[in-house]
Every structure is written in C-alpha cells, then in structure tokens.
Amino acid sequence: MRDDIAAAARPPAVAIPRGAWAAHGAMLLFAALISVSFSLGQRAAPHIAPEALTFARFLLAALVIGALAARRLTPAHFASPWRYGVLGGLLGGYFVLMFVALRLTDSVSTSAVFTLIPAMSALFGWILLREVTTPRMALSLSLAGMGAVWVIFRADIGAILGFDIGGGEAIFLVGCAMHAFYTPLVRRLNRGEPVIVFTFGTLMGGLVAIGLWGAPQTLATDWAALPPVVWAAILYLGIFTTAGTFYLLQFATMRLKSGTVMAYGYLVPSFVILLEGVFAGQWVAAPVWLGVAATVGALMLLLRD
C-alpha cells in the first residue's frame, strides 16, 4: 500500500520524443564535421581568397542538395525568395569571415570563439521567438563562455584583464554573431517547407549573395594552379560542412530550442585540439585544457534538461 502511494506521488517519467533524440544525434555529428573544417580550413586559407573558397563550397553544396531535393521542389516553396537571400547571406558572411580569421590566427582559437555562438543564439532566440532561457541554460552558457575566453586568451590572466584579443578572433566574433542570428531566424522564416527544400533555398540564397559580393576574387582565382589541400578543403567543406551541416542544423533547429541546438558547438574546441594533437602533433598547453573542460561541462549541464 505504501509503495503504491509513493509511486503515485512521484512525477511521471517524461519520455523524450524520438525526433528530439534524432535532433541531438544530428547536432553531435554537426560538431564533429565542423571541427574538421577548422583544421582543414587553416591549411587551405593561405592559398585562396575566402570569397572564392566560400563560393566554390556553396556551389558544390547546392548541386548536392539540389539533386536530393529536386523531386520535392514546387513553385510555392519559393514564394518569398528574399528569405533565402537573408539566411544564405548570413551564413555566407560567417564562412567568409571564418577563413579571413584563419589567415590571422589558429584553428584552436577560432574554434573557441565558435563556442560563444550559443549565448548569442539564445539572445537572438529571445528577441525573435521569445524563447525563455532557463536558469540552468543561463549557467551553462556562462560556464561555456568563460571556458571559451580561457582558451582564446591561452590561459593568460594578463591578456584576459587587458582584453588583448587578436585581430583574427575579433573578426571571427562578428561572423559568429551572424551565425547565431541565423539559427532562430530559420524558425521565424520557415513556412512549413521540408528541411531539404529549405536547405536548398538557403544555399541558393548564399550562392547569389557570395557570388555578387566576392565576384572579383572568384574571377581572379587561378583554379588550375590551386594546391591539392585547397581542392580537398572545397570537397570536404562543400559536401560535409556546408550541405551536411546545413541540413543537420535546420533539422535540429525545427525540433530543439536555439540555445540547445548551438550548445553542441561547445564540443568543437575539444575535437579540434584532438585533431591537431593526433595528426599534427600540436598539443595546447595544459592550463588551456581547463577551458576545454569548462565547455564540455557546460554541454553536459545543459543537456540535463
């Protein structure tokens, strides 16, 4: 009898919808794919203009996603094409600034700046969608932000107090703000289009925006003389990091809160440090790992929701 009363008093277990589990898995893969792009992009950046590289990756991604979405495309999906121009322009700007930054700093620092996106995304989510940040999410975002700052400034207290931030990090921070604004804007501008169709529209919008913005650099590029690392970067970035992550991001954004979606970016510095350490032998100093641990802890704290 007492057991029955105790069982009745306990709150019922809440099952996580299958779509939410799939969205979390999509964002875990998203973080892994993004991590490789920082390391590969740093090696390709000196050999090609950021605008030309971004145009090439958008073109390749649009071809891949367009082929997959062809059977589902209807004129109604493009009734308001300006939406795709805005979204594609935001992500195109983010990618261009990312490669500008990678010319000035290293992949670990840029990946640490990337972890500031969830906090900015949560702010934009409140502005656009009135998404409320829970106390746990606020604590998680604060912890991750402190961890990112610790990595960006190389665990140097003097540099932190003097806010001695590098030019590359400052440039990429602007790009990350564009990416953060994009995340809740997807939900605001989506009108029921399938994810694959909306992804294709966004890619086409970005292709037009970057094509107009970076036409001189793209036309001036000697494509035949590019080293193999650049073509490897274009193929990887176009297929996996552009087409793949666009789809994963929009899939998850339609099922999870904006701050939760971008929280998986907390894992990116850890993945990048492991990649650089294992494949290039470039390990960061031991104190920097405290910042990495803080970002991972922030993710674990946030996912308890």
Protein backbone atom coordinates (compact mmCIF):
# COMPACT_ATOMS: atom_id res chain seq x y z
CA MET A 1 0.00 0.00 0.00
CA ARG A 2 2.80 2.43 0.94
CA ASP A 3 4.65 1.56 -2.24
CA ASP A 4 1.54 2.36 -4.26
CA ILE A 5 1.16 5.72 -2.52
CA ALA A 6 4.84 6.55 -3.03
CA ALA A 7 4.63 5.57 -6.69
CA ALA A 8 1.57 7.75 -7.16
CA ALA A 9 3.34 10.69 -5.52
CA ARG A 10 6.32 10.51 -7.87
CA PRO A 11 6.04 12.63 -11.02
CA PRO A 12 5.54 10.55 -14.15
CA ALA A 13 8.60 9.89 -16.29
CA VAL A 14 8.68 12.09 -19.37
CA ALA A 15 9.72 10.24 -22.49
CA ILE A 16 11.94 12.16 -24.87
CA PRO A 17 10.31 12.25 -28.33
CA ARG A 18 12.06 10.24 -30.99
CA GLY A 19 12.50 13.41 -33.05
CA ALA A 20 14.38 15.07 -30.17
CA TRP A 21 16.80 12.14 -29.88
CA ALA A 22 17.41 12.36 -33.63
CA ALA A 23 17.99 16.11 -33.33
CA HIS A 24 20.59 15.60 -30.57
CA GLY A 25 22.36 12.99 -32.70
CA ALA A 26 22.31 15.36 -35.66
CA MET A 27 23.99 18.09 -33.62
CA LEU A 28 26.66 15.71 -32.29
CA LEU A 29 27.55 14.87 -35.89
CA PHE A 30 27.36 18.58 -36.69
CA ALA A 31 30.04 19.35 -34.07
CA ALA A 32 32.34 16.63 -35.40
CA LEU A 33 32.04 17.81 -39.00
CA ILE A 34 32.58 21.44 -38.04
CA SER A 35 35.72 20.53 -36.09
CA VAL A 36 37.46 19.10 -39.14
CA SER A 37 36.65 22.24 -41.14
CA PHE A 38 38.68 24.44 -38.77
CA SER A 39 41.82 22.33 -39.09
CA LEU A 40 41.46 21.77 -42.84
CA GLY A 41 40.44 25.36 -43.47
CA GLN A 42 43.52 26.71 -41.71
CA ARG A 43 45.73 24.79 -44.14
CA ALA A 44 43.80 25.89 -47.23
CA ALA A 45 43.22 29.55 -46.27
CA PRO A 46 46.65 30.91 -47.36
CA HIS A 47 46.20 29.62 -50.92
CA ILE A 48 42.79 31.04 -51.94
CA ALA A 49 40.66 34.11 -51.28
CA PRO A 50 37.96 33.49 -48.65
CA GLU A 51 35.24 34.72 -51.02
CA ALA A 52 36.33 32.33 -53.79
CA LEU A 53 36.54 29.37 -51.41
CA THR A 54 33.12 30.13 -49.95
CA PHE A 55 31.56 30.49 -53.42
CA ALA A 56 33.02 27.14 -54.51
CA ARG A 57 31.76 25.31 -51.41
CA PHE A 58 28.27 26.85 -51.76
CA LEU A 59 28.14 25.86 -55.43
CA LEU A 60 29.12 22.27 -54.70
CA ALA A 61 26.73 22.04 -51.75
CA ALA A 62 23.86 23.49 -53.82
CA LEU A 63 24.44 20.88 -56.51
CA VAL A 64 24.40 18.04 -53.96
CA ILE A 65 21.36 19.25 -52.00
CA GLY A 66 19.58 20.34 -55.19
CA ALA A 67 19.86 16.83 -56.61
CA LEU A 68 18.38 15.39 -53.41
CA ALA A 69 15.60 17.98 -53.21
CA ALA A 70 14.66 18.07 -56.91
CA ARG A 71 11.61 15.82 -56.64
CA ARG A 72 10.13 17.80 -53.77
CA LEU A 73 10.59 21.31 -55.15
CA THR A 74 7.47 23.27 -56.03
CA PRO A 75 6.97 26.94 -57.01
CA ALA A 76 5.15 27.51 -53.69
CA HIS A 77 8.38 26.83 -51.81
CA PHE A 78 9.94 29.93 -53.36
CA ALA A 79 7.03 32.33 -52.97
CA SER A 80 9.17 34.63 -50.81
CA PRO A 81 12.74 34.17 -52.10
CA TRP A 82 14.04 37.06 -50.00
CA ARG A 83 14.01 34.70 -47.00
CA TYR A 84 16.65 32.52 -48.60
CA GLY A 85 18.74 35.53 -49.53
CA VAL A 86 18.78 36.74 -45.93
CA LEU A 87 19.59 33.33 -44.46
CA GLY A 88 22.14 32.44 -47.11
CA GLY A 89 23.78 35.85 -46.83
CA LEU A 90 24.20 35.44 -43.07
CA LEU A 91 25.87 32.05 -43.36
CA GLY A 92 27.90 33.12 -46.36
CA GLY A 93 29.24 36.06 -44.38
CA TYR A 94 30.05 33.76 -41.48
CA PHE A 95 32.08 31.43 -43.69
CA VAL A 96 33.99 34.26 -45.38
CA LEU A 97 34.93 35.82 -42.04
CA MET A 98 35.92 32.40 -40.72
CA PHE A 99 38.55 31.98 -43.43
CA VAL A 100 39.72 35.55 -43.06
CA ALA A 101 40.26 34.80 -39.37
CA LEU A 102 42.08 31.54 -40.10
CA ARG A 103 44.68 33.56 -42.01
CA LEU A 104 45.39 35.57 -38.88
CA THR A 105 45.10 33.03 -36.07
CA ASP A 106 44.98 29.27 -35.47
CA SER A 107 42.17 26.73 -35.57
CA VAL A 108 42.03 26.25 -31.78
CA SER A 109 41.38 29.95 -31.12
CA THR A 110 38.73 30.23 -33.82
CA SER A 111 37.00 27.10 -32.58
CA ALA A 112 36.94 28.62 -29.08
CA VAL A 113 35.26 31.76 -30.44
CA PHE A 114 32.74 29.44 -32.08
CA THR A 115 31.60 28.31 -28.62
CA LEU A 116 30.27 31.81 -27.93
CA ILE A 117 27.54 31.26 -30.55
CA PRO A 118 25.08 29.52 -28.15
CA ALA A 119 24.92 32.54 -25.85
CA MET A 120 24.38 34.90 -28.76
CA SER A 121 21.88 32.47 -30.28
CA ALA A 122 19.91 32.35 -27.03
CA LEU A 123 19.77 36.16 -27.01
CA PHE A 124 18.56 36.31 -30.61
CA GLY A 125 16.12 33.48 -29.86
CA TRP A 126 14.54 35.61 -27.15
CA ILE A 127 14.37 38.65 -29.43
CA LEU A 128 12.87 36.82 -32.42
CA LEU A 129 10.92 33.96 -30.83
CA ARG A 130 10.60 34.96 -27.18
CA GLU A 131 12.35 31.75 -26.18
CA VAL A 132 12.96 31.87 -22.45
CA THR A 133 16.40 30.89 -21.14
CA THR A 134 16.10 28.70 -18.05
CA PRO A 135 18.44 29.25 -15.07
CA ARG A 136 20.26 26.03 -15.95
CA MET A 137 20.74 27.17 -19.54
CA ALA A 138 22.00 30.57 -18.36
CA LEU A 139 24.51 28.86 -16.06
CA SER A 140 25.60 26.58 -18.88
CA LEU A 141 26.07 29.45 -21.32
CA SER A 142 28.05 31.42 -18.74
CA LEU A 143 30.30 28.46 -17.96
CA ALA A 144 30.93 27.82 -21.64
CA GLY A 145 31.63 31.49 -22.26
CA MET A 146 34.24 31.55 -19.51
CA GLY A 147 35.82 28.39 -20.90
CA ALA A 148 35.94 29.89 -24.39
CA VAL A 149 37.57 33.09 -23.10
CA TRP A 150 40.15 30.99 -21.23
CA VAL A 151 41.09 29.16 -24.45
CA ILE A 152 41.02 32.27 -26.66
CA PHE A 153 43.48 34.09 -24.37
CA ARG A 154 45.66 30.97 -23.95
CA ALA A 155 45.07 30.82 -20.17
CA ASP A 156 46.91 34.17 -19.81
CA ILE A 157 45.34 36.16 -16.96
CA GLY A 158 47.16 39.31 -18.03
CA ALA A 159 45.81 39.08 -21.58
CA ILE A 160 42.29 38.50 -20.25
CA LEU A 161 42.43 41.51 -17.91
CA GLY A 162 43.83 43.67 -20.69
CA PHE A 163 41.36 42.22 -23.22
CA ASP A 164 44.30 41.65 -25.56
CA ILE A 165 42.28 39.84 -28.22
CA GLY A 166 43.80 39.09 -31.61
CA GLY A 167 42.52 40.52 -34.88
CA GLY A 168 41.54 37.09 -36.19
CA GLU A 169 39.45 36.33 -33.12
CA ALA A 170 37.72 39.72 -33.32
CA ILE A 171 36.86 39.21 -36.99
CA PHE A 172 35.51 35.73 -36.37
CA LEU A 173 33.41 37.00 -33.46
CA VAL A 174 31.47 39.13 -35.96
CA GLY A 175 31.00 36.07 -38.17
CA CYS A 176 29.78 34.03 -35.22
CA ALA A 177 27.19 36.72 -34.42
CA MET A 178 25.87 36.29 -37.97
CA HIS A 179 25.69 32.51 -37.46
CA ALA A 180 23.92 32.94 -34.12
CA PHE A 181 21.31 35.25 -35.65
CA TYR A 182 20.71 32.71 -38.42
CA THR A 183 19.69 29.91 -36.02
CA PRO A 184 16.44 31.36 -34.60
CA LEU A 185 15.75 33.15 -37.88
CA VAL A 186 15.32 29.74 -39.56
CA ARG A 187 12.31 29.02 -37.38
CA ARG A 188 10.97 32.54 -37.87
CA LEU A 189 11.15 32.42 -41.67
CA ASN A 190 10.30 28.76 -42.32
CA ARG A 191 6.72 28.41 -43.61
CA GLY A 192 6.40 24.67 -43.49
CA GLU A 193 8.89 23.84 -46.22
CA PRO A 194 10.61 20.44 -45.89
CA VAL A 195 14.09 20.66 -44.38
CA ILE A 196 15.82 19.53 -47.58
CA VAL A 197 13.94 22.13 -49.65
CA PHE A 198 14.61 24.92 -47.17
CA THR A 199 18.28 23.94 -47.08
CA PHE A 200 18.49 24.13 -50.87
CA GLY A 201 16.84 27.54 -50.88
CA THR A 202 19.27 28.80 -48.25
CA LEU A 203 22.24 27.52 -50.25
CA MET A 204 21.00 29.20 -53.40
CA GLY A 205 20.49 32.44 -51.49
CA GLY A 206 24.02 32.19 -50.11
CA LEU A 207 25.42 31.36 -53.55
CA VAL A 208 23.87 34.50 -55.04
CA ALA A 209 24.97 36.70 -52.13
CA ILE A 210 28.56 35.45 -52.16
CA GLY A 211 28.64 35.48 -55.95
CA LEU A 212 27.77 39.18 -56.02
CA TRP A 213 29.93 40.09 -53.02
CA GLY A 214 33.07 38.17 -54.00
CA ALA A 215 32.88 38.20 -57.80
CA PRO A 216 36.27 39.94 -58.29
CA GLN A 217 38.11 37.48 -56.04
CA THR A 218 36.36 34.46 -57.53
CA LEU A 219 37.08 35.51 -61.13
CA ALA A 220 40.69 36.36 -60.33
CA THR A 221 41.43 32.93 -58.82
CA ASP A 222 43.67 30.63 -60.87
CA TRP A 223 41.68 27.48 -60.15
CA ALA A 224 44.00 25.19 -62.12
CA ALA A 225 47.01 26.22 -60.04
CA LEU A 226 45.47 25.58 -56.62
CA PRO A 227 47.31 23.01 -54.46
CA PRO A 228 45.60 19.70 -53.56
CA VAL A 229 44.87 20.84 -50.00
CA VAL A 230 42.55 23.54 -51.36
CA TRP A 231 40.59 21.09 -53.51
CA ALA A 232 40.37 18.71 -50.56
CA ALA A 233 39.02 21.58 -48.48
CA ILE A 234 36.48 22.56 -51.15
CA LEU A 235 35.21 18.98 -51.47
CA TYR A 236 35.00 18.43 -47.72
CA LEU A 237 33.54 21.84 -46.94
CA GLY A 238 31.07 21.70 -49.81
CA ILE A 239 29.72 18.21 -49.20
CA PHE A 240 30.07 17.67 -45.45
CA THR A 241 30.44 21.03 -43.72
CA THR A 242 28.09 23.02 -45.96
CA ALA A 243 25.49 20.65 -47.39
CA GLY A 244 25.69 18.23 -44.46
CA THR A 245 25.72 20.72 -41.60
CA PHE A 246 23.09 22.96 -43.23
CA TYR A 247 20.73 20.00 -43.25
CA LEU A 248 21.67 18.85 -39.74
CA LEU A 249 21.34 22.37 -38.32
CA GLN A 250 17.94 23.02 -39.85
CA PHE A 251 16.71 19.55 -38.90
CA ALA A 252 17.65 20.14 -35.26
CA THR A 253 16.50 23.77 -35.19
CA MET A 254 12.94 22.71 -36.02
CA ARG A 255 12.92 20.31 -33.02
CA LEU A 256 15.04 21.94 -30.29
CA LYS A 257 15.46 25.40 -28.78
CA SER A 258 18.00 27.67 -30.46
CA GLY A 259 20.33 27.73 -27.44
CA THR A 260 20.23 23.94 -27.11
CA VAL A 261 20.97 23.44 -30.79
CA MET A 262 24.05 25.62 -30.76
CA ALA A 263 25.22 24.24 -27.41
CA TYR A 264 26.78 21.36 -29.30
CA GLY A 265 29.32 23.88 -30.55
CA TYR A 266 30.86 23.55 -27.08
CA LEU A 267 32.42 20.30 -28.27
CA VAL A 268 34.20 21.87 -31.23
CA PRO A 269 37.38 23.09 -29.43
CA SER A 270 37.84 19.66 -27.86
CA PHE A 271 37.56 17.96 -31.22
CA VAL A 272 39.91 20.48 -32.87
CA ILE A 273 42.55 20.11 -30.14
CA LEU A 274 42.41 16.33 -30.51
CA LEU A 275 42.69 16.56 -34.30
CA GLU A 276 45.65 18.94 -34.16
CA GLY A 277 47.33 16.85 -31.48
CA VAL A 278 46.85 13.44 -33.10
CA PHE A 279 47.50 14.39 -36.74
CA ALA A 280 49.82 17.41 -36.43
CA GLY A 281 51.43 16.85 -33.03
CA GLN A 282 50.37 20.35 -31.92
CA TRP A 283 49.02 19.98 -28.40
CA VAL A 284 47.90 23.01 -26.40
CA ALA A 285 49.42 23.88 -23.02
CA ALA A 286 47.99 22.04 -20.03
CA PRO A 287 46.25 25.10 -18.46
CA VAL A 288 44.24 25.63 -21.67
CA TRP A 289 42.53 22.29 -21.10
CA LEU A 290 40.71 23.85 -18.14
CA GLY A 291 38.78 26.00 -20.60
CA VAL A 292 38.00 22.97 -22.75
CA ALA A 293 36.76 21.09 -19.68
CA ALA A 294 34.50 24.03 -18.83
CA THR A 295 32.86 24.00 -22.26
CA VAL A 296 32.28 20.23 -22.13
CA GLY A 297 30.87 20.56 -18.61
CA ALA A 298 28.55 23.29 -19.87
CA LEU A 299 27.21 20.95 -22.54
CA MET A 300 26.58 18.18 -20.02
CA LEU A 301 24.80 20.65 -17.72
CA LEU A 302 22.61 21.96 -20.50
CA LEU A 303 21.65 18.54 -21.83
CA ARG A 304 20.27 17.53 -18.44
CA ASP A 305 17.17 19.47 -19.49
